[in-house]
Amino acid sequence: MDDPLDNVAVHCFIDVARVVGLKTVTEFVDKPAVLSRVRELGIDYAKGFLVHKPGPIDFLTELSSTAA
């Protein structure tokens, strides 16, 4: 969040993904400020402890099947 080189690199990855039609995912979202920045950047998906703590795969597959 504070490193200018990281910021430029992330913008570059996002731009390339958009040009080639790919979705973007960010990892290690552990603080509300990070999630806010991810949204500002327009990243499509986020994962990390703030979004959801790790759990058994069976729980996640059940969760996704009930959402459909």
PDB file of N, CA and C in Angstrom:
ATOM      1  N   MET A   1       0.809  -1.198   0.000  1.00  0.00           N
ATOM      2  CA  MET A   1       0.000   0.000   0.000  1.00  0.00           C
ATOM      3  C   MET A   1       0.856   1.269   0.000  1.00  0.00           C
ATOM      4  N   ASP A   2       2.094   1.170   0.474  1.00  0.00           N
ATOM      5  CA  ASP A   2       2.924   2.369   0.599  1.00  0.00           C
ATOM      6  C   ASP A   2       4.112   2.411  -0.351  1.00  0.00           C
ATOM      7  N   ASP A   3       4.324   1.348  -1.098  1.00  0.00           N
ATOM      8  CA  ASP A   3       5.496   1.275  -1.966  1.00  0.00           C
ATOM      9  C   ASP A   3       5.125   1.718  -3.391  1.00  0.00           C
ATOM     10  N   PRO A   4       5.713   2.808  -3.878  1.00  0.00           N
ATOM     11  CA  PRO A   4       5.365   3.299  -5.221  1.00  0.00           C
ATOM     12  C   PRO A   4       5.650   2.282  -6.322  1.00  0.00           C
ATOM     13  N   LEU A   5       6.719   1.511  -6.192  1.00  0.00           N
ATOM     14  CA  LEU A   5       7.038   0.505  -7.203  1.00  0.00           C
ATOM     15  C   LEU A   5       5.982  -0.592  -7.224  1.00  0.00           C
ATOM     16  N   ASP A   6       5.544  -1.046  -6.051  1.00  0.00           N
ATOM     17  CA  ASP A   6       4.463  -2.035  -5.976  1.00  0.00           C
ATOM     18  C   ASP A   6       3.200  -1.490  -6.630  1.00  0.00           C
ATOM     19  N   ASN A   7       2.893  -0.236  -6.368  1.00  0.00           N
ATOM     20  CA  ASN A   7       1.690   0.382  -6.921  1.00  0.00           C
ATOM     21  C   ASN A   7       1.720   0.384  -8.451  1.00  0.00           C
ATOM     22  N   VAL A   8       2.841   0.765  -9.018  1.00  0.00           N
ATOM     23  CA  VAL A   8       2.977   0.781 -10.477  1.00  0.00           C
ATOM     24  C   VAL A   8       2.871  -0.632 -11.048  1.00  0.00           C
ATOM     25  N   ALA A   9       3.510  -1.592 -10.382  1.00  0.00           N
ATOM     26  CA  ALA A   9       3.466  -2.981 -10.853  1.00  0.00           C
ATOM     27  C   ALA A   9       2.036  -3.504 -10.846  1.00  0.00           C
ATOM     28  N   VAL A  10       1.289  -3.240  -9.777  1.00  0.00           N
ATOM     29  CA  VAL A  10      -0.097  -3.709  -9.694  1.00  0.00           C
ATOM     30  C   VAL A  10      -0.942  -3.078 -10.792  1.00  0.00           C
ATOM     31  N   HIS A  11      -0.786  -1.785 -11.014  1.00  0.00           N
ATOM     32  CA  HIS A  11      -1.522  -1.121 -12.099  1.00  0.00           C
ATOM     33  C   HIS A  11      -1.203  -1.765 -13.447  1.00  0.00           C
ATOM     34  N   CYS A  12       0.056  -2.096 -13.653  1.00  0.00           N
ATOM     35  CA  CYS A  12       0.475  -2.736 -14.906  1.00  0.00           C
ATOM     36  C   CYS A  12      -0.212  -4.090 -15.076  1.00  0.00           C
ATOM     37  N   PHE A  13      -0.219  -4.904 -14.013  1.00  0.00           N
ATOM     38  CA  PHE A  13      -0.869  -6.221 -14.086  1.00  0.00           C
ATOM     39  C   PHE A  13      -2.359  -6.079 -14.379  1.00  0.00           C
ATOM     40  N   ILE A  14      -2.996  -5.116 -13.746  1.00  0.00           N
ATOM     41  CA  ILE A  14      -4.428  -4.895 -13.969  1.00  0.00           C
ATOM     42  C   ILE A  14      -4.679  -4.491 -15.417  1.00  0.00           C
ATOM     43  N   ASP A  15      -3.882  -3.585 -15.928  1.00  0.00           N
ATOM     44  CA  ASP A  15      -4.041  -3.127 -17.314  1.00  0.00           C
ATOM     45  C   ASP A  15      -3.853  -4.268 -18.307  1.00  0.00           C
ATOM     46  N   VAL A  16      -2.827  -5.073 -18.096  1.00  0.00           N
ATOM     47  CA  VAL A  16      -2.576  -6.211 -18.996  1.00  0.00           C
ATOM     48  C   VAL A  16      -3.741  -7.193 -18.931  1.00  0.00           C
ATOM     49  N   ALA A  17      -4.223  -7.487 -17.733  1.00  0.00           N
ATOM     50  CA  ALA A  17      -5.346  -8.425 -17.594  1.00  0.00           C
ATOM     51  C   ALA A  17      -6.571  -7.915 -18.337  1.00  0.00           C
ATOM     52  N   ARG A  18      -6.851  -6.640 -18.233  1.00  0.00           N
ATOM     53  CA  ARG A  18      -8.014  -6.075 -18.929  1.00  0.00           C
ATOM     54  C   ARG A  18      -7.857  -6.170 -20.441  1.00  0.00           C
ATOM     55  N   VAL A  19      -6.665  -5.901 -20.943  1.00  0.00           N
ATOM     56  CA  VAL A  19      -6.420  -5.945 -22.385  1.00  0.00           C
ATOM     57  C   VAL A  19      -6.641  -7.348 -22.935  1.00  0.00           C
ATOM     58  N   VAL A  20      -6.206  -8.360 -22.193  1.00  0.00           N
ATOM     59  CA  VAL A  20      -6.345  -9.736 -22.688  1.00  0.00           C
ATOM     60  C   VAL A  20      -7.628 -10.408 -22.215  1.00  0.00           C
ATOM     61  N   GLY A  21      -8.473  -9.665 -21.498  1.00  0.00           N
ATOM     62  CA  GLY A  21      -9.783 -10.190 -21.104  1.00  0.00           C
ATOM     63  C   GLY A  21      -9.780 -11.118 -19.908  1.00  0.00           C
ATOM     64  N   LEU A  22      -8.821 -10.956 -19.011  1.00  0.00           N
ATOM     65  CA  LEU A  22      -8.754 -11.805 -17.823  1.00  0.00           C
ATOM     66  C   LEU A  22      -9.286 -11.073 -16.599  1.00  0.00           C
ATOM     67  N   LYS A  23      -9.786 -11.836 -15.646  1.00  0.00           N
ATOM     68  CA  LYS A  23     -10.199 -11.295 -14.356  1.00  0.00           C
ATOM     69  C   LYS A  23      -8.978 -11.228 -13.443  1.00  0.00           C
ATOM     70  N   THR A  24      -9.020 -10.322 -12.478  1.00  0.00           N
ATOM     71  CA  THR A  24      -7.905 -10.167 -11.552  1.00  0.00           C
ATOM     72  C   THR A  24      -8.313 -10.611 -10.151  1.00  0.00           C
ATOM     73  N   VAL A  25      -7.339 -11.182  -9.425  1.00  0.00           N
ATOM     74  CA  VAL A  25      -7.546 -11.644  -8.056  1.00  0.00           C
ATOM     75  C   VAL A  25      -6.370 -11.148  -7.221  1.00  0.00           C
ATOM     76  N   THR A  26      -6.669 -10.585  -6.086  1.00  0.00           N
ATOM     77  CA  THR A  26      -5.604 -10.192  -5.170  1.00  0.00           C
ATOM     78  C   THR A  26      -5.629 -11.102  -3.946  1.00  0.00           C
ATOM     79  N   GLU A  27      -4.453 -11.347  -3.395  1.00  0.00           N
ATOM     80  CA  GLU A  27      -4.317 -12.213  -2.223  1.00  0.00           C
ATOM     81  C   GLU A  27      -3.915 -11.390  -1.012  1.00  0.00           C
ATOM     82  N   PHE A  28      -3.986 -12.014   0.151  1.00  0.00           N
ATOM     83  CA  PHE A  28      -3.510 -11.440   1.407  1.00  0.00           C
ATOM     84  C   PHE A  28      -4.283 -10.197   1.837  1.00  0.00           C
ATOM     85  N   VAL A  29      -5.578 -10.157   1.536  1.00  0.00           N
ATOM     86  CA  VAL A  29      -6.403  -9.044   2.007  1.00  0.00           C
ATOM     87  C   VAL A  29      -6.743  -9.315   3.467  1.00  0.00           C
ATOM     88  N   ASP A  30      -6.079  -8.570   4.343  1.00  0.00           N
ATOM     89  CA  ASP A  30      -6.234  -8.839   5.778  1.00  0.00           C
ATOM     90  C   ASP A  30      -6.706  -7.625   6.575  1.00  0.00           C
ATOM     91  N   LYS A  31      -6.861  -6.490   5.907  1.00  0.00           N
ATOM     92  CA  LYS A  31      -7.282  -5.259   6.587  1.00  0.00           C
ATOM     93  C   LYS A  31      -8.307  -4.526   5.732  1.00  0.00           C
ATOM     94  N   PRO A  32      -9.236  -3.830   6.367  1.00  0.00           N
ATOM     95  CA  PRO A  32     -10.222  -3.059   5.603  1.00  0.00           C
ATOM     96  C   PRO A  32      -9.587  -2.047   4.644  1.00  0.00           C
ATOM     97  N   ALA A  33      -8.484  -1.443   5.040  1.00  0.00           N
ATOM     98  CA  ALA A  33      -7.820  -0.467   4.162  1.00  0.00           C
ATOM     99  C   ALA A  33      -7.313  -1.130   2.882  1.00  0.00           C
ATOM    100  N   VAL A  34      -6.841  -2.369   3.003  1.00  0.00           N
ATOM    101  CA  VAL A  34      -6.359  -3.097   1.824  1.00  0.00           C
ATOM    102  C   VAL A  34      -7.532  -3.420   0.906  1.00  0.00           C
ATOM    103  N   LEU A  35      -8.642  -3.869   1.469  1.00  0.00           N
ATOM    104  CA  LEU A  35      -9.827  -4.168   0.658  1.00  0.00           C
ATOM    105  C   LEU A  35     -10.332  -2.912  -0.040  1.00  0.00           C
ATOM    106  N   SER A  36     -10.313  -1.803   0.649  1.00  0.00           N
ATOM    107  CA  SER A  36     -10.727  -0.535   0.044  1.00  0.00           C
ATOM    108  C   SER A  36      -9.834  -0.185  -1.143  1.00  0.00           C
ATOM    109  N   ARG A  37      -8.536  -0.381  -0.993  1.00  0.00           N
ATOM    110  CA  ARG A  37      -7.594  -0.090  -2.088  1.00  0.00           C
ATOM    111  C   ARG A  37      -7.831  -1.041  -3.255  1.00  0.00           C
ATOM    112  N   VAL A  38      -8.088  -2.297  -2.966  1.00  0.00           N
ATOM    113  CA  VAL A  38      -8.375  -3.288  -4.016  1.00  0.00           C
ATOM    114  C   VAL A  38      -9.585  -2.838  -4.829  1.00  0.00           C
ATOM    115  N   ARG A  39     -10.611  -2.361  -4.154  1.00  0.00           N
ATOM    116  CA  ARG A  39     -11.810  -1.875  -4.842  1.00  0.00           C
ATOM    117  C   ARG A  39     -11.507  -0.638  -5.672  1.00  0.00           C
ATOM    118  N   GLU A  40     -10.717   0.284  -5.116  1.00  0.00           N
ATOM    119  CA  GLU A  40     -10.332   1.490  -5.866  1.00  0.00           C
ATOM    120  C   GLU A  40      -9.613   1.141  -7.160  1.00  0.00           C
ATOM    121  N   LEU A  41      -8.772   0.127  -7.100  1.00  0.00           N
ATOM    122  CA  LEU A  41      -7.998  -0.284  -8.258  1.00  0.00           C
ATOM    123  C   LEU A  41      -8.841  -1.017  -9.301  1.00  0.00           C
ATOM    124  N   GLY A  42     -10.005  -1.503  -8.893  1.00  0.00           N
ATOM    125  CA  GLY A  42     -10.858  -2.225  -9.830  1.00  0.00           C
ATOM    126  C   GLY A  42     -10.507  -3.689  -9.980  1.00  0.00           C
ATOM    127  N   ILE A  43      -9.836  -4.247  -8.991  1.00  0.00           N
ATOM    128  CA  ILE A  43      -9.512  -5.673  -9.024  1.00  0.00           C
ATOM    129  C   ILE A  43     -10.810  -6.449  -8.848  1.00  0.00           C
ATOM    130  N   ASP A  44     -10.965  -7.511  -9.625  1.00  0.00           N
ATOM    131  CA  ASP A  44     -12.240  -8.229  -9.673  1.00  0.00           C
ATOM    132  C   ASP A  44     -12.551  -9.049  -8.422  1.00  0.00           C
ATOM    133  N   TYR A  45     -11.555  -9.740  -7.874  1.00  0.00           N
ATOM    134  CA  TYR A  45     -11.788 -10.620  -6.733  1.00  0.00           C
ATOM    135  C   TYR A  45     -10.692 -10.418  -5.692  1.00  0.00           C
ATOM    136  N   ALA A  46     -11.053 -10.660  -4.436  1.00  0.00           N
ATOM    137  CA  ALA A  46     -10.080 -10.565  -3.349  1.00  0.00           C
ATOM    138  C   ALA A  46     -10.177 -11.808  -2.477  1.00  0.00           C
ATOM    139  N   LYS A  47      -9.044 -12.203  -1.946  1.00  0.00           N
ATOM    140  CA  LYS A  47      -9.047 -13.291  -0.983  1.00  0.00           C
ATOM    141  C   LYS A  47      -8.061 -12.976   0.123  1.00  0.00           C
ATOM    142  N   GLY A  48      -8.346 -13.499   1.277  1.00  0.00           N
ATOM    143  CA  GLY A  48      -7.500 -13.257   2.432  1.00  0.00           C
ATOM    144  C   GLY A  48      -8.313 -13.393   3.704  1.00  0.00           C
ATOM    145  N   PHE A  49      -7.653 -13.293   4.844  1.00  0.00           N
ATOM    146  CA  PHE A  49      -8.315 -13.500   6.130  1.00  0.00           C
ATOM    147  C   PHE A  49      -9.462 -12.529   6.378  1.00  0.00           C
ATOM    148  N   LEU A  50      -9.386 -11.325   5.824  1.00  0.00           N
ATOM    149  CA  LEU A  50     -10.484 -10.382   6.019  1.00  0.00           C
ATOM    150  C   LEU A  50     -11.744 -10.861   5.301  1.00  0.00           C
ATOM    151  N   VAL A  51     -11.576 -11.448   4.138  1.00  0.00           N
ATOM    152  CA  VAL A  51     -12.708 -11.905   3.324  1.00  0.00           C
ATOM    153  C   VAL A  51     -13.282 -13.199   3.886  1.00  0.00           C
ATOM    154  N   HIS A  52     -12.405 -14.163   4.180  1.00  0.00           N
ATOM    155  CA  HIS A  52     -12.850 -15.447   4.716  1.00  0.00           C
ATOM    156  C   HIS A  52     -11.650 -16.188   5.255  1.00  0.00           C
ATOM    157  N   LYS A  53     -11.789 -16.734   6.435  1.00  0.00           N
ATOM    158  CA  LYS A  53     -10.714 -17.533   7.018  1.00  0.00           C
ATOM    159  C   LYS A  53     -10.688 -18.918   6.364  1.00  0.00           C
ATOM    160  N   PRO A  54      -9.525 -19.549   6.286  1.00  0.00           N
ATOM    161  CA  PRO A  54      -9.453 -20.883   5.687  1.00  0.00           C
ATOM    162  C   PRO A  54     -10.361 -21.868   6.431  1.00  0.00           C
ATOM    163  N   GLY A  55     -10.898 -22.798   5.693  1.00  0.00           N
ATOM    164  CA  GLY A  55     -11.765 -23.803   6.286  1.00  0.00           C
ATOM    165  C   GLY A  55     -11.746 -25.072   5.465  1.00  0.00           C
ATOM    166  N   PRO A  56     -12.447 -26.082   5.913  1.00  0.00           N
ATOM    167  CA  PRO A  56     -12.498 -27.349   5.176  1.00  0.00           C
ATOM    168  C   PRO A  56     -13.126 -27.151   3.790  1.00  0.00           C
ATOM    169  N   ILE A  57     -12.607 -27.818   2.821  1.00  0.00           N
ATOM    170  CA  ILE A  57     -13.106 -27.695   1.447  1.00  0.00           C
ATOM    171  C   ILE A  57     -14.566 -28.119   1.351  1.00  0.00           C
ATOM    172  N   ASP A  58     -14.984 -29.089   2.165  1.00  0.00           N
ATOM    173  CA  ASP A  58     -16.378 -29.533   2.134  1.00  0.00           C
ATOM    174  C   ASP A  58     -17.332 -28.386   2.458  1.00  0.00           C
ATOM    175  N   PHE A  59     -16.966 -27.556   3.424  1.00  0.00           N
ATOM    176  CA  PHE A  59     -17.812 -26.409   3.783  1.00  0.00           C
ATOM    177  C   PHE A  59     -17.940 -25.445   2.614  1.00  0.00           C
ATOM    178  N   LEU A  60     -16.841 -25.184   1.935  1.00  0.00           N
ATOM    179  CA  LEU A  60     -16.863 -24.228   0.820  1.00  0.00           C
ATOM    180  C   LEU A  60     -17.648 -24.761  -0.371  1.00  0.00           C
ATOM    181  N   THR A  61     -17.541 -26.046  -0.657  1.00  0.00           N
ATOM    182  CA  THR A  61     -18.292 -26.607  -1.774  1.00  0.00           C
ATOM    183  C   THR A  61     -19.791 -26.634  -1.459  1.00  0.00           C
ATOM    184  N   GLU A  62     -20.144 -26.889  -0.192  1.00  0.00           N
ATOM    185  CA  GLU A  62     -21.550 -26.827   0.204  1.00  0.00           C
ATOM    186  C   GLU A  62     -22.068 -25.392   0.088  1.00  0.00           C
ATOM    187  N   LEU A  63     -21.269 -24.455   0.518  1.00  0.00           N
ATOM    188  CA  LEU A  63     -21.641 -23.045   0.452  1.00  0.00           C
ATOM    189  C   LEU A  63     -21.883 -22.603  -0.989  1.00  0.00           C
ATOM    190  N   SER A  64     -20.995 -23.001  -1.887  1.00  0.00           N
ATOM    191  CA  SER A  64     -21.145 -22.593  -3.276  1.00  0.00           C
ATOM    192  C   SER A  64     -22.327 -23.282  -3.948  1.00  0.00           C
ATOM    193  N   SER A  65     -22.679 -24.504  -3.550  1.00  0.00           N
ATOM    194  CA  SER A  65     -23.812 -25.195  -4.165  1.00  0.00           C
ATOM    195  C   SER A  65     -25.145 -24.625  -3.684  1.00  0.00           C
ATOM    196  N   THR A  66     -25.190 -24.069  -2.476  1.00  0.00           N
ATOM    197  CA  THR A  66     -26.439 -23.475  -1.983  1.00  0.00           C
ATOM    198  C   THR A  66     -26.626 -22.075  -2.533  1.00  0.00           C
ATOM    199  N   ALA A  67     -25.553 -21.451  -2.993  1.00  0.00           N
ATOM    200  CA  ALA A  67     -25.658 -20.082  -3.537  1.00  0.00           C
ATOM    201  C   ALA A  67     -26.216 -20.086  -4.948  1.00  0.00           C
ATOM    202  N   ALA A  68     -26.154 -21.195  -5.612  1.00  0.00           N
ATOM    203  CA  ALA A  68     -26.584 -21.245  -7.017  1.00  0.00           C
ATOM    204  C   ALA A  68     -28.069 -21.304  -7.181  1.00  0.00           C
TER     205      ALA A  68
END
